[in-house]
Amino acid sequence: MFRPFRSLAAVFLLLVITASPAFAESKDMIQLQTQMQQLLDAVARLQQANDERMGVLKDLVQQNSDSVNKMSVVLDGLKLQLQNMQDASSTKNEQLAGQIQSLNDSLDEMKARLARMEKSMNDLQGQQQTTNAMLTNLPQPGTPLAVPTQPMAKNAPAPAKSTAQPAAADVLPAPVAGPSAGDLYRAALGDYMGAKYALSSSEFNSLIKAYPDDNLSGNAYFYIGEMDAKAEKLSAAVKSYDQVLERYPDNTKVPAAHLHKAYALIAMKQNDAGVRELRALIQRFPTSAEASQARSKLSSMRVTIAPRD
């Protein structure tokens, strides 16, 4: 910035020298030349100082740029680590969800077994009570049989001996009823746990047909959806989950039906519908294990839990 002044001063000095050759040796001219030289020296010193400051400033800018680049690299590394942690957390949550579902299935199977054992015990108690009643009604050993003492008419013919066998019971046996909803459900669940999916699906459908309003039919629809999802029949699985959600709102499988329906929709590339299903699950059952899995899934999808206005 001081170069124009320096050039102007040199030109001015040259003009003064050439315009007044007669007074070149005068005292005023010498003083003027001295002042001009001092001015030129001052301008040179200012330019040198400015150059040095510009160099320092460039060094500072370069250092700041290097620091920013290093910070950017560190931030990229942190983002990558965070992404890996979130992916690992999502994978663990999905594994945990599968384990929880397996535990729920095992619990259902244990309940079915306990119900079968209870039924067997009740049957045994009934048979024992029947046996005890029969034993109580039997005559004691050595007790004479009672003979009717009604007098017989004189010259009356002796009664003919009856050849008919006594009836074993006077009461006709009750008609055998069909299997109960619990029996059908236990059989179907046992086959499901044994991976006999074709047989289990048929048994669950029989339960639904025989007892459409029973709450166990809601469980049957859920497991039918699970088998369809395993077979990658995602559209059919969604329909089965919808049956649970719409027809059996008080069923214990409703949270899992919400979650697994969302998974199926996302697998079908219907992300918006899947996100709505996950949010509905969180809103209806905020403290459930399925809601925790839904939050993790939304986080892995970079989607907010609550819908934005």
C-alpha atoms as a PDB file:
ATOM      1  CA  MET A   1       0.000   0.000   0.000  1.00  0.00           C
ATOM      2  CA  PHE A   2       3.023   2.371   0.443  1.00  0.00           C
ATOM      3  CA  ARG A   3       4.551   1.716  -2.960  1.00  0.00           C
ATOM      4  CA  PRO A   4       2.538   4.481  -4.741  1.00  0.00           C
ATOM      5  CA  PHE A   5       3.734   7.031  -2.182  1.00  0.00           C
ATOM      6  CA  ARG A   6       7.309   5.942  -2.605  1.00  0.00           C
ATOM      7  CA  SER A   7       7.101   6.215  -6.378  1.00  0.00           C
ATOM      8  CA  LEU A   8       5.413   9.607  -6.139  1.00  0.00           C
ATOM      9  CA  ALA A   9       8.138  10.888  -3.828  1.00  0.00           C
ATOM     10  CA  ALA A  10      10.858   9.718  -6.213  1.00  0.00           C
ATOM     11  CA  VAL A  11       9.174  11.418  -9.152  1.00  0.00           C
ATOM     12  CA  PHE A  12       8.740  14.604  -7.165  1.00  0.00           C
ATOM     13  CA  LEU A  13      12.426  14.571  -6.197  1.00  0.00           C
ATOM     14  CA  LEU A  14      13.438  14.038  -9.798  1.00  0.00           C
ATOM     15  CA  LEU A  15      11.277  16.912 -10.980  1.00  0.00           C
ATOM     16  CA  VAL A  16      12.697  19.207  -8.336  1.00  0.00           C
ATOM     17  CA  ILE A  17      16.258  18.321  -9.289  1.00  0.00           C
ATOM     18  CA  THR A  18      15.702  18.742 -13.027  1.00  0.00           C
ATOM     19  CA  ALA A  19      13.568  21.889 -12.734  1.00  0.00           C
ATOM     20  CA  SER A  20      15.984  23.854 -10.604  1.00  0.00           C
ATOM     21  CA  PRO A  21      19.530  22.929 -11.641  1.00  0.00           C
ATOM     22  CA  ALA A  22      20.711  26.381 -10.670  1.00  0.00           C
ATOM     23  CA  PHE A  23      19.639  25.964  -7.077  1.00  0.00           C
ATOM     24  CA  ALA A  24      20.715  22.292  -6.661  1.00  0.00           C
ATOM     25  CA  GLU A  25      23.459  23.283  -4.332  1.00  0.00           C
ATOM     26  CA  SER A  26      21.287  25.546  -2.241  1.00  0.00           C
ATOM     27  CA  LYS A  27      20.626  24.799   1.375  1.00  0.00           C
ATOM     28  CA  ASP A  28      16.866  24.478   0.916  1.00  0.00           C
ATOM     29  CA  MET A  29      17.283  21.977  -1.847  1.00  0.00           C
ATOM     30  CA  ILE A  30      19.604  19.897   0.277  1.00  0.00           C
ATOM     31  CA  GLN A  31      17.120  19.941   3.148  1.00  0.00           C
ATOM     32  CA  LEU A  32      14.314  18.968   0.812  1.00  0.00           C
ATOM     33  CA  GLN A  33      16.330  16.117  -0.572  1.00  0.00           C
ATOM     34  CA  THR A  34      17.157  14.989   2.946  1.00  0.00           C
ATOM     35  CA  GLN A  35      13.501  15.069   3.996  1.00  0.00           C
ATOM     36  CA  MET A  36      12.502  13.190   0.885  1.00  0.00           C
ATOM     37  CA  GLN A  37      15.096  10.544   1.624  1.00  0.00           C
ATOM     38  CA  GLN A  38      13.858  10.266   5.183  1.00  0.00           C
ATOM     39  CA  LEU A  39      10.304   9.936   3.867  1.00  0.00           C
ATOM     40  CA  LEU A  40      11.381   7.211   1.461  1.00  0.00           C
ATOM     41  CA  ASP A  41      13.183   5.378   4.274  1.00  0.00           C
ATOM     42  CA  ALA A  42      10.117   5.630   6.497  1.00  0.00           C
ATOM     43  CA  VAL A  43       7.902   4.286   3.718  1.00  0.00           C
ATOM     44  CA  ALA A  44      10.338   1.404   3.186  1.00  0.00           C
ATOM     45  CA  ARG A  45      10.340   0.582   6.903  1.00  0.00           C
ATOM     46  CA  LEU A  46       6.537   0.668   6.968  1.00  0.00           C
ATOM     47  CA  GLN A  47       6.346  -1.619   3.947  1.00  0.00           C
ATOM     48  CA  GLN A  48       8.795  -4.056   5.528  1.00  0.00           C
ATOM     49  CA  ALA A  49       6.828  -4.058   8.790  1.00  0.00           C
ATOM     50  CA  ASN A  50       3.606  -4.589   6.863  1.00  0.00           C
ATOM     51  CA  ASP A  51       5.136  -7.489   4.948  1.00  0.00           C
ATOM     52  CA  GLU A  52       6.304  -9.073   8.191  1.00  0.00           C
ATOM     53  CA  ARG A  53       2.879  -8.682   9.741  1.00  0.00           C
ATOM     54  CA  MET A  54       1.206 -10.140   6.669  1.00  0.00           C
ATOM     55  CA  GLY A  55       3.575 -13.108   6.892  1.00  0.00           C
ATOM     56  CA  VAL A  56       2.712 -13.643  10.555  1.00  0.00           C
ATOM     57  CA  LEU A  57      -0.980 -13.323   9.759  1.00  0.00           C
ATOM     58  CA  LYS A  58      -0.659 -15.874   6.957  1.00  0.00           C
ATOM     59  CA  ASP A  59       1.064 -18.259   9.349  1.00  0.00           C
ATOM     60  CA  LEU A  60      -1.732 -17.823  11.887  1.00  0.00           C
ATOM     61  CA  VAL A  61      -4.377 -18.371   9.218  1.00  0.00           C
ATOM     62  CA  GLN A  62      -2.572 -21.507   8.046  1.00  0.00           C
ATOM     63  CA  GLN A  63      -2.320 -22.806  11.604  1.00  0.00           C
ATOM     64  CA  ASN A  64      -6.025 -22.157  12.177  1.00  0.00           C
ATOM     65  CA  SER A  65      -6.828 -23.873   8.896  1.00  0.00           C
ATOM     66  CA  ASP A  66      -4.758 -26.898   9.940  1.00  0.00           C
ATOM     67  CA  SER A  67      -6.487 -26.959  13.323  1.00  0.00           C
ATOM     68  CA  VAL A  68      -9.898 -26.808  11.666  1.00  0.00           C
ATOM     69  CA  ASN A  69      -8.946 -29.640   9.331  1.00  0.00           C
ATOM     70  CA  LYS A  70      -7.749 -31.738  12.262  1.00  0.00           C
ATOM     71  CA  MET A  71     -10.963 -31.021  14.150  1.00  0.00           C
ATOM     72  CA  SER A  72     -12.965 -31.988  11.072  1.00  0.00           C
ATOM     73  CA  VAL A  73     -11.116 -35.312  10.872  1.00  0.00           C
ATOM     74  CA  VAL A  74     -11.720 -35.944  14.581  1.00  0.00           C
ATOM     75  CA  LEU A  75     -15.419 -35.090  14.220  1.00  0.00           C
ATOM     76  CA  ASP A  76     -15.731 -37.429  11.235  1.00  0.00           C
ATOM     77  CA  GLY A  77     -14.151 -40.172  13.310  1.00  0.00           C
ATOM     78  CA  LEU A  78     -16.524 -39.497  16.195  1.00  0.00           C
ATOM     79  CA  LYS A  79     -19.506 -39.548  13.830  1.00  0.00           C
ATOM     80  CA  LEU A  80     -18.340 -42.865  12.422  1.00  0.00           C
ATOM     81  CA  GLN A  81     -17.910 -44.307  15.906  1.00  0.00           C
ATOM     82  CA  LEU A  82     -21.336 -43.044  16.919  1.00  0.00           C
ATOM     83  CA  GLN A  83     -22.876 -44.558  13.792  1.00  0.00           C
ATOM     84  CA  ASN A  84     -21.172 -47.875  14.501  1.00  0.00           C
ATOM     85  CA  MET A  85     -22.389 -47.765  18.096  1.00  0.00           C
ATOM     86  CA  GLN A  86     -25.936 -47.033  16.965  1.00  0.00           C
ATOM     87  CA  ASP A  87     -25.819 -49.841  14.415  1.00  0.00           C
ATOM     88  CA  ALA A  88     -24.470 -52.233  17.020  1.00  0.00           C
ATOM     89  CA  SER A  89     -27.124 -51.082  19.489  1.00  0.00           C
ATOM     90  CA  SER A  90     -29.829 -51.577  16.879  1.00  0.00           C
ATOM     91  CA  THR A  91     -28.549 -55.078  16.132  1.00  0.00           C
ATOM     92  CA  LYS A  92     -28.455 -55.927  19.827  1.00  0.00           C
ATOM     93  CA  ASN A  93     -31.954 -54.574  20.304  1.00  0.00           C
ATOM     94  CA  GLU A  94     -33.239 -56.695  17.438  1.00  0.00           C
ATOM     95  CA  GLN A  95     -31.519 -59.740  18.903  1.00  0.00           C
ATOM     96  CA  LEU A  96     -33.002 -58.892  22.285  1.00  0.00           C
ATOM     97  CA  ALA A  97     -36.416 -58.556  20.676  1.00  0.00           C
ATOM     98  CA  GLY A  98     -36.045 -62.009  19.181  1.00  0.00           C
ATOM     99  CA  GLN A  99     -35.001 -63.421  22.539  1.00  0.00           C
ATOM    100  CA  ILE A 100     -37.939 -61.746  24.263  1.00  0.00           C
ATOM    101  CA  GLN A 101     -40.294 -63.157  21.656  1.00  0.00           C
ATOM    102  CA  SER A 102     -38.798 -66.617  22.164  1.00  0.00           C
ATOM    103  CA  LEU A 103     -39.264 -66.235  25.906  1.00  0.00           C
ATOM    104  CA  ASN A 104     -42.874 -65.209  25.371  1.00  0.00           C
ATOM    105  CA  ASP A 105     -43.438 -68.227  23.159  1.00  0.00           C
ATOM    106  CA  SER A 106     -41.791 -70.485  25.722  1.00  0.00           C
ATOM    107  CA  LEU A 107     -43.960 -68.963  28.420  1.00  0.00           C
ATOM    108  CA  ASP A 108     -47.058 -69.639  26.360  1.00  0.00           C
ATOM    109  CA  GLU A 109     -45.933 -73.213  25.859  1.00  0.00           C
ATOM    110  CA  MET A 110     -45.329 -73.623  29.596  1.00  0.00           C
ATOM    111  CA  LYS A 111     -48.783 -72.252  30.293  1.00  0.00           C
ATOM    112  CA  ALA A 112     -50.226 -74.723  27.813  1.00  0.00           C
ATOM    113  CA  ARG A 113     -48.381 -77.582  29.479  1.00  0.00           C
ATOM    114  CA  LEU A 114     -49.525 -76.491  32.922  1.00  0.00           C
ATOM    115  CA  ALA A 115     -53.084 -76.318  31.653  1.00  0.00           C
ATOM    116  CA  ARG A 116     -52.777 -79.851  30.262  1.00  0.00           C
ATOM    117  CA  MET A 117     -51.369 -81.083  33.557  1.00  0.00           C
ATOM    118  CA  GLU A 118     -54.167 -79.359  35.461  1.00  0.00           C
ATOM    119  CA  LYS A 119     -56.747 -80.940  33.168  1.00  0.00           C
ATOM    120  CA  SER A 120     -55.172 -84.359  33.654  1.00  0.00           C
ATOM    121  CA  MET A 121     -55.212 -83.888  37.425  1.00  0.00           C
ATOM    122  CA  ASN A 122     -58.851 -82.847  37.333  1.00  0.00           C
ATOM    123  CA  ASP A 123     -59.685 -85.914  35.243  1.00  0.00           C
ATOM    124  CA  LEU A 124     -57.849 -88.144  37.698  1.00  0.00           C
ATOM    125  CA  GLN A 125     -59.655 -86.535  40.636  1.00  0.00           C
ATOM    126  CA  GLY A 126     -62.977 -87.071  38.880  1.00  0.00           C
ATOM    127  CA  GLN A 127     -62.170 -90.720  38.216  1.00  0.00           C
ATOM    128  CA  GLN A 128     -61.069 -91.164  41.809  1.00  0.00           C
ATOM    129  CA  GLN A 129     -64.278 -89.606  43.130  1.00  0.00           C
ATOM    130  CA  THR A 130     -66.333 -91.857  40.845  1.00  0.00           C
ATOM    131  CA  THR A 131     -64.419 -94.918  42.036  1.00  0.00           C
ATOM    132  CA  ASN A 132     -64.860 -93.912  45.683  1.00  0.00           C
ATOM    133  CA  ALA A 133     -68.606 -93.480  45.167  1.00  0.00           C
ATOM    134  CA  MET A 134     -68.888 -96.893  43.548  1.00  0.00           C
ATOM    135  CA  LEU A 135     -66.947 -98.490  46.387  1.00  0.00           C
ATOM    136  CA  THR A 136     -69.126 -96.770  48.966  1.00  0.00           C
ATOM    137  CA  ASN A 137     -72.324 -98.126  47.384  1.00  0.00           C
ATOM    138  CA  LEU A 138     -71.077-101.722  47.323  1.00  0.00           C
ATOM    139  CA  PRO A 139     -72.507-104.015  50.106  1.00  0.00           C
ATOM    140  CA  GLN A 140     -70.151-104.950  52.880  1.00  0.00           C
ATOM    141  CA  PRO A 141     -68.908-108.569  53.016  1.00  0.00           C
ATOM    142  CA  GLY A 142     -71.239-110.903  55.041  1.00  0.00           C
ATOM    143  CA  THR A 143     -74.238-108.604  54.756  1.00  0.00           C
ATOM    144  CA  PRO A 144     -77.344-110.557  53.576  1.00  0.00           C
ATOM    145  CA  LEU A 145     -79.189-109.184  50.623  1.00  0.00           C
ATOM    146  CA  ALA A 146     -82.584-107.670  51.402  1.00  0.00           C
ATOM    147  CA  VAL A 147     -85.531-109.879  50.338  1.00  0.00           C
ATOM    148  CA  PRO A 148     -89.007-108.386  49.837  1.00  0.00           C
ATOM    149  CA  THR A 149     -91.417-109.574  52.595  1.00  0.00           C
ATOM    150  CA  GLN A 150     -94.654-108.955  50.708  1.00  0.00           C
ATOM    151  CA  PRO A 151     -97.033-111.942  51.373  1.00  0.00           C
ATOM    152  CA  MET A 152     -97.871-114.146  48.456  1.00  0.00           C
ATOM    153  CA  ALA A 153    -101.390-115.175  47.585  1.00  0.00           C
ATOM    154  CA  LYS A 154    -102.394-118.795  48.241  1.00  0.00           C
ATOM    155  CA  ASN A 155    -101.980-121.094  45.254  1.00  0.00           C
ATOM    156  CA  ALA A 156    -100.323-118.222  43.400  1.00  0.00           C
ATOM    157  CA  PRO A 157     -97.817-119.288  40.818  1.00  0.00           C
ATOM    158  CA  ALA A 158     -94.193-118.830  41.693  1.00  0.00           C
ATOM    159  CA  PRO A 159     -92.597-115.881  40.041  1.00  0.00           C
ATOM    160  CA  ALA A 160     -90.678-116.735  36.940  1.00  0.00           C
ATOM    161  CA  LYS A 161     -86.974-116.367  37.049  1.00  0.00           C
ATOM    162  CA  SER A 162     -85.818-113.396  35.110  1.00  0.00           C
ATOM    163  CA  THR A 163     -83.075-113.987  32.606  1.00  0.00           C
ATOM    164  CA  ALA A 164     -82.460-110.260  31.947  1.00  0.00           C
ATOM    165  CA  GLN A 165     -79.143-108.855  33.111  1.00  0.00           C
ATOM    166  CA  PRO A 166     -79.276-105.834  35.459  1.00  0.00           C
ATOM    167  CA  ALA A 167     -78.468-102.532  33.844  1.00  0.00           C
ATOM    168  CA  ALA A 168     -74.998-101.185  34.552  1.00  0.00           C
ATOM    169  CA  ALA A 169     -76.321 -97.661  35.018  1.00  0.00           C
ATOM    170  CA  ASP A 170     -79.619 -95.923  34.708  1.00  0.00           C
ATOM    171  CA  VAL A 171     -78.154 -92.683  33.355  1.00  0.00           C
ATOM    172  CA  LEU A 172     -77.155 -92.484  29.697  1.00  0.00           C
ATOM    173  CA  PRO A 173     -73.603 -91.203  29.041  1.00  0.00           C
ATOM    174  CA  ALA A 174     -73.382 -87.535  28.106  1.00  0.00           C
ATOM    175  CA  PRO A 175     -72.479 -86.799  24.493  1.00  0.00           C
ATOM    176  CA  VAL A 176     -68.767 -86.195  23.975  1.00  0.00           C
ATOM    177  CA  ALA A 177     -68.084 -82.489  23.387  1.00  0.00           C
ATOM    178  CA  GLY A 178     -65.514 -81.212  20.874  1.00  0.00           C
ATOM    179  CA  PRO A 179     -62.062 -79.941  21.940  1.00  0.00           C
ATOM    180  CA  SER A 180     -62.063 -76.693  23.841  1.00  0.00           C
ATOM    181  CA  ALA A 181     -60.369 -73.504  22.680  1.00  0.00           C
ATOM    182  CA  GLY A 182     -57.580 -74.132  25.174  1.00  0.00           C
ATOM    183  CA  ASP A 183     -56.977 -77.653  23.860  1.00  0.00           C
ATOM    184  CA  LEU A 184     -56.844 -76.455  20.252  1.00  0.00           C
ATOM    185  CA  TYR A 185     -54.525 -73.599  21.158  1.00  0.00           C
ATOM    186  CA  ARG A 186     -52.151 -75.796  23.143  1.00  0.00           C
ATOM    187  CA  ALA A 187     -51.892 -78.316  20.318  1.00  0.00           C
ATOM    188  CA  ALA A 188     -51.276 -75.597  17.717  1.00  0.00           C
ATOM    189  CA  LEU A 189     -48.714 -73.794  19.888  1.00  0.00           C
ATOM    190  CA  GLY A 190     -46.855 -77.023  20.552  1.00  0.00           C
ATOM    191  CA  ASP A 191     -46.563 -77.673  16.829  1.00  0.00           C
ATOM    192  CA  TYR A 192     -45.469 -74.069  16.279  1.00  0.00           C
ATOM    193  CA  MET A 193     -42.695 -74.446  18.852  1.00  0.00           C
ATOM    194  CA  GLY A 194     -41.684 -77.677  17.115  1.00  0.00           C
ATOM    195  CA  ALA A 195     -41.386 -75.802  13.774  1.00  0.00           C
ATOM    196  CA  LYS A 196     -44.280 -77.807  12.289  1.00  0.00           C
ATOM    197  CA  TYR A 197     -45.581 -74.677  10.658  1.00  0.00           C
ATOM    198  CA  ALA A 198     -47.983 -76.210   8.135  1.00  0.00           C
ATOM    199  CA  LEU A 199     -49.718 -78.291  10.806  1.00  0.00           C
ATOM    200  CA  SER A 200     -49.654 -75.446  13.316  1.00  0.00           C
ATOM    201  CA  SER A 201     -51.201 -73.004  10.827  1.00  0.00           C
ATOM    202  CA  SER A 202     -54.006 -75.468  10.101  1.00  0.00           C
ATOM    203  CA  GLU A 203     -54.663 -75.950  13.822  1.00  0.00           C
ATOM    204  CA  PHE A 204     -54.666 -72.209  14.529  1.00  0.00           C
ATOM    205  CA  ASN A 205     -57.156 -71.697  11.689  1.00  0.00           C
ATOM    206  CA  SER A 206     -59.349 -74.442  13.144  1.00  0.00           C
ATOM    207  CA  LEU A 207     -59.282 -72.615  16.487  1.00  0.00           C
ATOM    208  CA  ILE A 208     -60.289 -69.344  14.828  1.00  0.00           C
ATOM    209  CA  LYS A 209     -63.105 -71.048  12.931  1.00  0.00           C
ATOM    210  CA  ALA A 210     -64.454 -72.851  16.008  1.00  0.00           C
ATOM    211  CA  TYR A 211     -64.018 -69.985  18.510  1.00  0.00           C
ATOM    212  CA  PRO A 212     -63.806 -66.702  16.548  1.00  0.00           C
ATOM    213  CA  ASP A 213     -64.658 -64.543  19.575  1.00  0.00           C
ATOM    214  CA  ASP A 214     -62.288 -66.241  22.016  1.00  0.00           C
ATOM    215  CA  ASN A 215     -59.234 -64.195  23.014  1.00  0.00           C
ATOM    216  CA  LEU A 216     -57.011 -67.141  22.139  1.00  0.00           C
ATOM    217  CA  SER A 217     -58.020 -66.625  18.512  1.00  0.00           C
ATOM    218  CA  GLY A 218     -56.139 -63.322  18.712  1.00  0.00           C
ATOM    219  CA  ASN A 219     -53.021 -65.264  19.706  1.00  0.00           C
ATOM    220  CA  ALA A 220     -53.705 -67.622  16.809  1.00  0.00           C
ATOM    221  CA  TYR A 221     -53.788 -64.719  14.315  1.00  0.00           C
ATOM    222  CA  PHE A 222     -50.505 -63.421  15.759  1.00  0.00           C
ATOM    223  CA  TYR A 223     -48.687 -66.719  15.324  1.00  0.00           C
ATOM    224  CA  ILE A 224     -50.121 -67.143  11.829  1.00  0.00           C
ATOM    225  CA  GLY A 225     -48.611 -63.743  11.044  1.00  0.00           C
ATOM    226  CA  GLU A 226     -45.297 -64.878  12.513  1.00  0.00           C
ATOM    227  CA  MET A 227     -45.250 -67.945  10.281  1.00  0.00           C
ATOM    228  CA  ASP A 228     -46.133 -65.834   7.232  1.00  0.00           C
ATOM    229  CA  ALA A 229     -43.298 -63.427   8.083  1.00  0.00           C
ATOM    230  CA  LYS A 230     -40.836 -66.330   8.393  1.00  0.00           C
ATOM    231  CA  ALA A 231     -41.972 -67.509   4.963  1.00  0.00           C
ATOM    232  CA  GLU A 232     -41.486 -63.916   3.628  1.00  0.00           C
ATOM    233  CA  LYS A 233     -45.208 -63.601   2.942  1.00  0.00           C
ATOM    234  CA  LEU A 234     -45.112 -60.086   4.337  1.00  0.00           C
ATOM    235  CA  SER A 235     -48.439 -58.874   2.946  1.00  0.00           C
ATOM    236  CA  ALA A 236     -50.269 -61.855   4.477  1.00  0.00           C
ATOM    237  CA  ALA A 237     -48.401 -61.314   7.753  1.00  0.00           C
ATOM    238  CA  VAL A 238     -49.571 -57.675   7.897  1.00  0.00           C
ATOM    239  CA  LYS A 239     -53.181 -58.803   7.425  1.00  0.00           C
ATOM    240  CA  SER A 240     -52.886 -61.295  10.279  1.00  0.00           C
ATOM    241  CA  TYR A 241     -51.389 -58.641  12.576  1.00  0.00           C
ATOM    242  CA  ASP A 242     -54.235 -56.302  11.620  1.00  0.00           C
ATOM    243  CA  GLN A 243     -56.724 -58.965  12.746  1.00  0.00           C
ATOM    244  CA  VAL A 244     -55.105 -58.943  16.190  1.00  0.00           C
ATOM    245  CA  LEU A 245     -55.123 -55.145  16.396  1.00  0.00           C
ATOM    246  CA  GLU A 246     -58.678 -54.638  15.133  1.00  0.00           C
ATOM    247  CA  ARG A 247     -60.606 -57.590  16.565  1.00  0.00           C
ATOM    248  CA  TYR A 248     -58.806 -58.276  19.849  1.00  0.00           C
ATOM    249  CA  PRO A 249     -57.732 -54.902  21.306  1.00  0.00           C
ATOM    250  CA  ASP A 250     -57.275 -56.352  24.822  1.00  0.00           C
ATOM    251  CA  ASN A 251     -55.059 -59.227  23.706  1.00  0.00           C
ATOM    252  CA  THR A 252     -51.575 -59.436  25.215  1.00  0.00           C
ATOM    253  CA  LYS A 253     -50.088 -59.806  21.737  1.00  0.00           C
ATOM    254  CA  VAL A 254     -51.231 -56.334  20.602  1.00  0.00           C
ATOM    255  CA  PRO A 255     -47.881 -54.553  21.317  1.00  0.00           C
ATOM    256  CA  ALA A 256     -45.929 -57.285  19.534  1.00  0.00           C
ATOM    257  CA  ALA A 257     -48.418 -57.171  16.641  1.00  0.00           C
ATOM    258  CA  HIS A 258     -47.796 -53.408  16.278  1.00  0.00           C
ATOM    259  CA  LEU A 259     -44.020 -53.911  16.301  1.00  0.00           C
ATOM    260  CA  HIS A 260     -43.892 -56.857  13.924  1.00  0.00           C
ATOM    261  CA  LYS A 261     -46.368 -55.216  11.552  1.00  0.00           C
ATOM    262  CA  ALA A 262     -44.045 -52.176  11.409  1.00  0.00           C
ATOM    263  CA  TYR A 263     -41.052 -54.416  10.690  1.00  0.00           C
ATOM    264  CA  ALA A 264     -42.962 -56.102   7.864  1.00  0.00           C
ATOM    265  CA  LEU A 265     -44.010 -52.767   6.360  1.00  0.00           C
ATOM    266  CA  ILE A 266     -40.440 -51.450   6.470  1.00  0.00           C
ATOM    267  CA  ALA A 267     -39.202 -54.657   4.850  1.00  0.00           C
ATOM    268  CA  MET A 268     -41.788 -54.023   2.098  1.00  0.00           C
ATOM    269  CA  LYS A 269     -40.238 -50.519   1.574  1.00  0.00           C
ATOM    270  CA  GLN A 270     -43.348 -48.856   3.044  1.00  0.00           C
ATOM    271  CA  ASN A 271     -41.288 -46.800   5.472  1.00  0.00           C
ATOM    272  CA  ASP A 272     -43.894 -44.106   6.141  1.00  0.00           C
ATOM    273  CA  ALA A 273     -46.516 -46.680   7.131  1.00  0.00           C
ATOM    274  CA  GLY A 274     -43.951 -48.514   9.247  1.00  0.00           C
ATOM    275  CA  VAL A 275     -42.961 -45.308  11.053  1.00  0.00           C
ATOM    276  CA  ARG A 276     -46.620 -44.537  11.781  1.00  0.00           C
ATOM    277  CA  GLU A 277     -47.044 -48.013  13.242  1.00  0.00           C
ATOM    278  CA  LEU A 278     -43.986 -47.608  15.475  1.00  0.00           C
ATOM    279  CA  ARG A 279     -45.223 -44.236  16.716  1.00  0.00           C
ATOM    280  CA  ALA A 280     -48.658 -45.692  17.405  1.00  0.00           C
ATOM    281  CA  LEU A 281     -47.030 -48.444  19.463  1.00  0.00           C
ATOM    282  CA  ILE A 282     -45.008 -45.938  21.501  1.00  0.00           C
ATOM    283  CA  GLN A 283     -48.102 -43.798  22.099  1.00  0.00           C
ATOM    284  CA  ARG A 284     -50.329 -46.717  23.170  1.00  0.00           C
ATOM    285  CA  PHE A 285     -47.792 -48.701  25.191  1.00  0.00           C
ATOM    286  CA  PRO A 286     -44.989 -46.273  26.149  1.00  0.00           C
ATOM    287  CA  THR A 287     -43.532 -48.449  28.935  1.00  0.00           C
ATOM    288  CA  SER A 288     -43.599 -51.788  27.106  1.00  0.00           C
ATOM    289  CA  ALA A 289     -40.519 -53.651  25.906  1.00  0.00           C
ATOM    290  CA  GLU A 290     -41.869 -53.385  22.373  1.00  0.00           C
ATOM    291  CA  ALA A 291     -41.990 -49.574  22.679  1.00  0.00           C
ATOM    292  CA  SER A 292     -38.298 -49.562  23.617  1.00  0.00           C
ATOM    293  CA  GLN A 293     -37.523 -51.586  20.511  1.00  0.00           C
ATOM    294  CA  ALA A 294     -39.638 -49.196  18.431  1.00  0.00           C
ATOM    295  CA  ARG A 295     -37.642 -46.198  19.722  1.00  0.00           C
ATOM    296  CA  SER A 296     -34.388 -47.933  18.834  1.00  0.00           C
ATOM    297  CA  LYS A 297     -35.679 -48.695  15.343  1.00  0.00           C
ATOM    298  CA  LEU A 298     -36.739 -45.074  14.755  1.00  0.00           C
ATOM    299  CA  SER A 299     -33.352 -43.877  15.995  1.00  0.00           C
ATOM    300  CA  SER A 300     -31.535 -46.203  13.583  1.00  0.00           C
ATOM    301  CA  MET A 301     -33.719 -44.823  10.762  1.00  0.00           C
ATOM    302  CA  ARG A 302     -32.854 -41.207  11.766  1.00  0.00           C
ATOM    303  CA  VAL A 303     -36.548 -40.533  12.419  1.00  0.00           C
ATOM    304  CA  THR A 304     -37.936 -38.546  15.329  1.00  0.00           C
ATOM    305  CA  ILE A 305     -40.131 -40.450  17.769  1.00  0.00           C
ATOM    306  CA  ALA A 306     -42.915 -37.844  17.800  1.00  0.00           C
ATOM    307  CA  PRO A 307     -44.315 -36.657  14.454  1.00  0.00           C
ATOM    308  CA  ARG A 308     -43.484 -33.071  13.516  1.00  0.00           C
ATOM    309  CA  ASP A 309     -46.264 -30.548  13.037  1.00  0.00           C
END
